């Protein structure tokens, strides 16, 4: 998707993957890769165009060797250097500063992160919102 998309959706991958007890902890990078694969088709299930950003942290970063992986060309993957939450807040803050009227939605159930991104202008939804749309 492009910057001209109607909305921005930022996904806390660790939180979404961790919301389902399906054994993800045995293969964090594999679980993240499966999420990315399903998310690469998310635009088929949305009512309006969206730029999709997925933030990976820790062991899950191994899911993509290069953030420009052609398999996930419809997504922007951010490999957090430190805290995934801090990276998400940075992404949201930059998006709000760039285009203050563009809707930004963060997918997470993390209450602390929700409070932080809502304070700078983002909306939040829980992992179920995303999982329902990607067929998980």
C-alpha atoms as a PDB file:
ATOM      1  CA  UNK A   1       0.000   0.000   0.000  1.00  0.00           C
ATOM      2  CA  UNK A   2       1.058   3.587  -0.377  1.00  0.00           C
ATOM      3  CA  UNK A   3       1.122   6.652   1.818  1.00  0.00           C
ATOM      4  CA  UNK A   4      -1.946   7.854  -0.104  1.00  0.00           C
ATOM      5  CA  UNK A   5      -4.060   5.112   1.506  1.00  0.00           C
ATOM      6  CA  UNK A   6      -7.143   6.218   3.374  1.00  0.00           C
ATOM      7  CA  UNK A   7      -5.933   4.865   6.708  1.00  0.00           C
ATOM      8  CA  UNK A   8      -2.925   3.447   8.507  1.00  0.00           C
ATOM      9  CA  UNK A   9      -3.121   0.191  10.450  1.00  0.00           C
ATOM     10  CA  UNK A  10      -0.208  -0.600  12.768  1.00  0.00           C
ATOM     11  CA  UNK A  11      -0.043  -4.139  14.140  1.00  0.00           C
ATOM     12  CA  UNK A  12       1.606  -5.189  17.392  1.00  0.00           C
ATOM     13  CA  UNK A  13       2.621  -8.605  16.020  1.00  0.00           C
ATOM     14  CA  UNK A  14       3.771  -9.984  19.365  1.00  0.00           C
ATOM     15  CA  UNK A  15       0.446  -9.133  20.957  1.00  0.00           C
ATOM     16  CA  UNK A  16      -1.643 -10.516  18.098  1.00  0.00           C
ATOM     17  CA  UNK A  17       0.355 -13.751  17.866  1.00  0.00           C
ATOM     18  CA  UNK A  18       0.311 -14.126  21.645  1.00  0.00           C
ATOM     19  CA  UNK A  19      -3.465 -13.739  21.831  1.00  0.00           C
ATOM     20  CA  UNK A  20      -3.974 -17.336  20.680  1.00  0.00           C
ATOM     21  CA  UNK A  21      -2.482 -20.289  22.597  1.00  0.00           C
ATOM     22  CA  UNK A  22      -1.535 -22.276  19.490  1.00  0.00           C
ATOM     23  CA  UNK A  23       2.066 -23.121  20.369  1.00  0.00           C
ATOM     24  CA  UNK A  24       3.549 -19.895  18.956  1.00  0.00           C
ATOM     25  CA  UNK A  25       6.112 -19.809  21.785  1.00  0.00           C
ATOM     26  CA  UNK A  26       7.902 -22.842  20.299  1.00  0.00           C
ATOM     27  CA  UNK A  27       8.564 -21.007  17.024  1.00  0.00           C
ATOM     28  CA  UNK A  28       8.184 -17.250  17.393  1.00  0.00           C
ATOM     29  CA  UNK A  29       9.619 -16.408  13.972  1.00  0.00           C
ATOM     30  CA  UNK A  30       7.432 -19.031  12.291  1.00  0.00           C
ATOM     31  CA  UNK A  31       4.341 -17.680  14.035  1.00  0.00           C
ATOM     32  CA  UNK A  32       5.250 -14.142  12.938  1.00  0.00           C
ATOM     33  CA  UNK A  33       5.816 -15.322   9.368  1.00  0.00           C
ATOM     34  CA  UNK A  34       2.378 -16.995   9.302  1.00  0.00           C
ATOM     35  CA  UNK A  35       0.802 -13.754  10.558  1.00  0.00           C
ATOM     36  CA  UNK A  36       2.608 -11.756   7.858  1.00  0.00           C
ATOM     37  CA  UNK A  37       1.448 -14.185   5.157  1.00  0.00           C
ATOM     38  CA  UNK A  38      -2.176 -13.845   6.256  1.00  0.00           C
ATOM     39  CA  UNK A  39      -1.868 -10.078   6.626  1.00  0.00           C
ATOM     40  CA  UNK A  40      -0.530  -9.726   3.094  1.00  0.00           C
ATOM     41  CA  UNK A  41      -4.102 -10.468   1.964  1.00  0.00           C
ATOM     42  CA  UNK A  42      -5.818  -8.213   4.525  1.00  0.00           C
ATOM     43  CA  UNK A  43      -6.642  -5.515   1.972  1.00  0.00           C
ATOM     44  CA  UNK A  44      -9.126  -7.954   0.400  1.00  0.00           C
ATOM     45  CA  UNK A  45     -11.147  -7.786   3.637  1.00  0.00           C
ATOM     46  CA  UNK A  46     -11.121  -4.047   4.327  1.00  0.00           C
ATOM     47  CA  UNK A  47     -13.731  -1.527   3.250  1.00  0.00           C
ATOM     48  CA  UNK A  48     -11.165   1.174   2.482  1.00  0.00           C
ATOM     49  CA  UNK A  49      -7.553   1.306   1.385  1.00  0.00           C
ATOM     50  CA  UNK A  50      -5.016   0.961   4.170  1.00  0.00           C
ATOM     51  CA  UNK A  51      -1.287   1.142   4.589  1.00  0.00           C
ATOM     52  CA  UNK A  52      -0.315  -1.820   6.755  1.00  0.00           C
ATOM     53  CA  UNK A  53       2.637  -1.704   9.139  1.00  0.00           C
ATOM     54  CA  UNK A  54       3.598  -4.727  11.218  1.00  0.00           C
ATOM     55  CA  UNK A  55       6.060  -4.316  14.080  1.00  0.00           C
ATOM     56  CA  UNK A  56       8.187  -7.343  14.969  1.00  0.00           C
ATOM     57  CA  UNK A  57      10.352  -7.590  18.060  1.00  0.00           C
ATOM     58  CA  UNK A  58      12.690 -10.086  19.677  1.00  0.00           C
ATOM     59  CA  UNK A  59      12.957 -13.569  18.156  1.00  0.00           C
ATOM     60  CA  UNK A  60      10.036 -12.809  15.803  1.00  0.00           C
ATOM     61  CA  UNK A  61      12.295 -10.442  13.827  1.00  0.00           C
ATOM     62  CA  UNK A  62      13.874 -13.531  12.262  1.00  0.00           C
ATOM     63  CA  UNK A  63      10.619 -13.990  10.315  1.00  0.00           C
ATOM     64  CA  UNK A  64      11.997 -11.593   7.714  1.00  0.00           C
ATOM     65  CA  UNK A  65      15.672 -11.280   6.910  1.00  0.00           C
ATOM     66  CA  UNK A  66      15.052  -8.081   5.004  1.00  0.00           C
ATOM     67  CA  UNK A  67      12.176  -5.645   5.586  1.00  0.00           C
ATOM     68  CA  UNK A  68      11.703  -5.476   1.825  1.00  0.00           C
ATOM     69  CA  UNK A  69      10.906  -9.214   1.541  1.00  0.00           C
ATOM     70  CA  UNK A  70       8.964  -9.497  -1.750  1.00  0.00           C
ATOM     71  CA  UNK A  71       6.610 -12.074  -0.243  1.00  0.00           C
ATOM     72  CA  UNK A  72       5.221  -9.315   1.964  1.00  0.00           C
ATOM     73  CA  UNK A  73       5.346  -6.440  -0.513  1.00  0.00           C
ATOM     74  CA  UNK A  74       1.897  -5.195   0.551  1.00  0.00           C
ATOM     75  CA  UNK A  75       3.149  -4.696   4.117  1.00  0.00           C
ATOM     76  CA  UNK A  76       5.715  -2.447   5.709  1.00  0.00           C
ATOM     77  CA  UNK A  77       7.601  -4.523   8.252  1.00  0.00           C
ATOM     78  CA  UNK A  78       9.362  -2.726  11.086  1.00  0.00           C
ATOM     79  CA  UNK A  79      11.980  -4.760  12.966  1.00  0.00           C
ATOM     80  CA  UNK A  80      12.138  -3.057  16.368  1.00  0.00           C
ATOM     81  CA  UNK A  81      15.659  -2.434  17.629  1.00  0.00           C
ATOM     82  CA  UNK A  82      14.435  -2.549  21.217  1.00  0.00           C
ATOM     83  CA  UNK A  83      10.931  -2.438  22.605  1.00  0.00           C
ATOM     84  CA  UNK A  84       8.196  -3.204  20.104  1.00  0.00           C
ATOM     85  CA  UNK A  85       5.873  -0.875  22.004  1.00  0.00           C
ATOM     86  CA  UNK A  86       8.339   2.003  21.669  1.00  0.00           C
ATOM     87  CA  UNK A  87       8.677   1.305  17.940  1.00  0.00           C
ATOM     88  CA  UNK A  88       4.879   1.341  17.544  1.00  0.00           C
ATOM     89  CA  UNK A  89       4.601   4.664  19.380  1.00  0.00           C
ATOM     90  CA  UNK A  90       7.345   6.094  17.125  1.00  0.00           C
ATOM     91  CA  UNK A  91       5.529   4.889  13.970  1.00  0.00           C
ATOM     92  CA  UNK A  92       2.229   6.368  15.158  1.00  0.00           C
ATOM     93  CA  UNK A  93       3.795   9.677  16.211  1.00  0.00           C
ATOM     94  CA  UNK A  94       5.503  10.040  12.825  1.00  0.00           C
ATOM     95  CA  UNK A  95       2.269   9.230  10.969  1.00  0.00           C
ATOM     96  CA  UNK A  96       0.226  11.707  13.001  1.00  0.00           C
ATOM     97  CA  UNK A  97       2.849  14.424  12.499  1.00  0.00           C
ATOM     98  CA  UNK A  98       2.960  13.748   8.737  1.00  0.00           C
ATOM     99  CA  UNK A  99      -0.777  13.662   8.105  1.00  0.00           C
ATOM    100  CA  UNK A 100      -2.724  14.590  11.219  1.00  0.00           C
ATOM    101  CA  UNK A 101      -6.139  13.942   9.687  1.00  0.00           C
ATOM    102  CA  UNK A 102      -5.387  10.421   8.412  1.00  0.00           C
ATOM    103  CA  UNK A 103      -6.955   7.748  10.640  1.00  0.00           C
ATOM    104  CA  UNK A 104      -4.397   5.599  12.447  1.00  0.00           C
ATOM    105  CA  UNK A 105      -5.477   2.340  14.077  1.00  0.00           C
ATOM    106  CA  UNK A 106      -3.223   0.237  16.286  1.00  0.00           C
ATOM    107  CA  UNK A 107      -4.040  -3.444  16.730  1.00  0.00           C
ATOM    108  CA  UNK A 108      -3.109  -4.511  20.263  1.00  0.00           C
ATOM    109  CA  UNK A 109      -4.633  -5.645  23.539  1.00  0.00           C
ATOM    110  CA  UNK A 110      -1.775  -4.154  25.558  1.00  0.00           C
ATOM    111  CA  UNK A 111      -3.449  -1.563  27.806  1.00  0.00           C
ATOM    112  CA  UNK A 112      -0.296   0.452  28.360  1.00  0.00           C
ATOM    113  CA  UNK A 113       0.389   0.663  24.638  1.00  0.00           C
ATOM    114  CA  UNK A 114      -3.246   1.521  23.923  1.00  0.00           C
ATOM    115  CA  UNK A 115      -3.036   4.426  26.375  1.00  0.00           C
ATOM    116  CA  UNK A 116       0.202   5.683  24.817  1.00  0.00           C
ATOM    117  CA  UNK A 117      -1.006   5.656  21.201  1.00  0.00           C
ATOM    118  CA  UNK A 118      -4.478   6.984  21.994  1.00  0.00           C
ATOM    119  CA  UNK A 119      -2.816   9.935  23.753  1.00  0.00           C
ATOM    120  CA  UNK A 120      -1.155  10.914  20.448  1.00  0.00           C
ATOM    121  CA  UNK A 121      -4.247  10.493  18.305  1.00  0.00           C
ATOM    122  CA  UNK A 122      -4.549   6.841  17.253  1.00  0.00           C
ATOM    123  CA  UNK A 123      -7.556   4.580  17.584  1.00  0.00           C
ATOM    124  CA  UNK A 124      -7.105   1.062  18.925  1.00  0.00           C
ATOM    125  CA  UNK A 125      -8.701  -2.309  18.326  1.00  0.00           C
ATOM    126  CA  UNK A 126      -7.949  -5.687  19.828  1.00  0.00           C
ATOM    127  CA  UNK A 127      -6.352  -8.675  18.110  1.00  0.00           C
ATOM    128  CA  UNK A 128      -9.765 -10.270  17.458  1.00  0.00           C
ATOM    129  CA  UNK A 129     -10.584  -7.445  15.014  1.00  0.00           C
ATOM    130  CA  UNK A 130      -7.595  -8.430  12.886  1.00  0.00           C
ATOM    131  CA  UNK A 131      -7.901 -12.191  13.343  1.00  0.00           C
ATOM    132  CA  UNK A 132     -11.536 -12.087  12.189  1.00  0.00           C
ATOM    133  CA  UNK A 133     -10.445 -10.357   8.976  1.00  0.00           C
ATOM    134  CA  UNK A 134      -7.516 -12.627   8.134  1.00  0.00           C
ATOM    135  CA  UNK A 135      -9.346 -15.852   8.844  1.00  0.00           C
ATOM    136  CA  UNK A 136      -7.606 -16.921  12.021  1.00  0.00           C
END
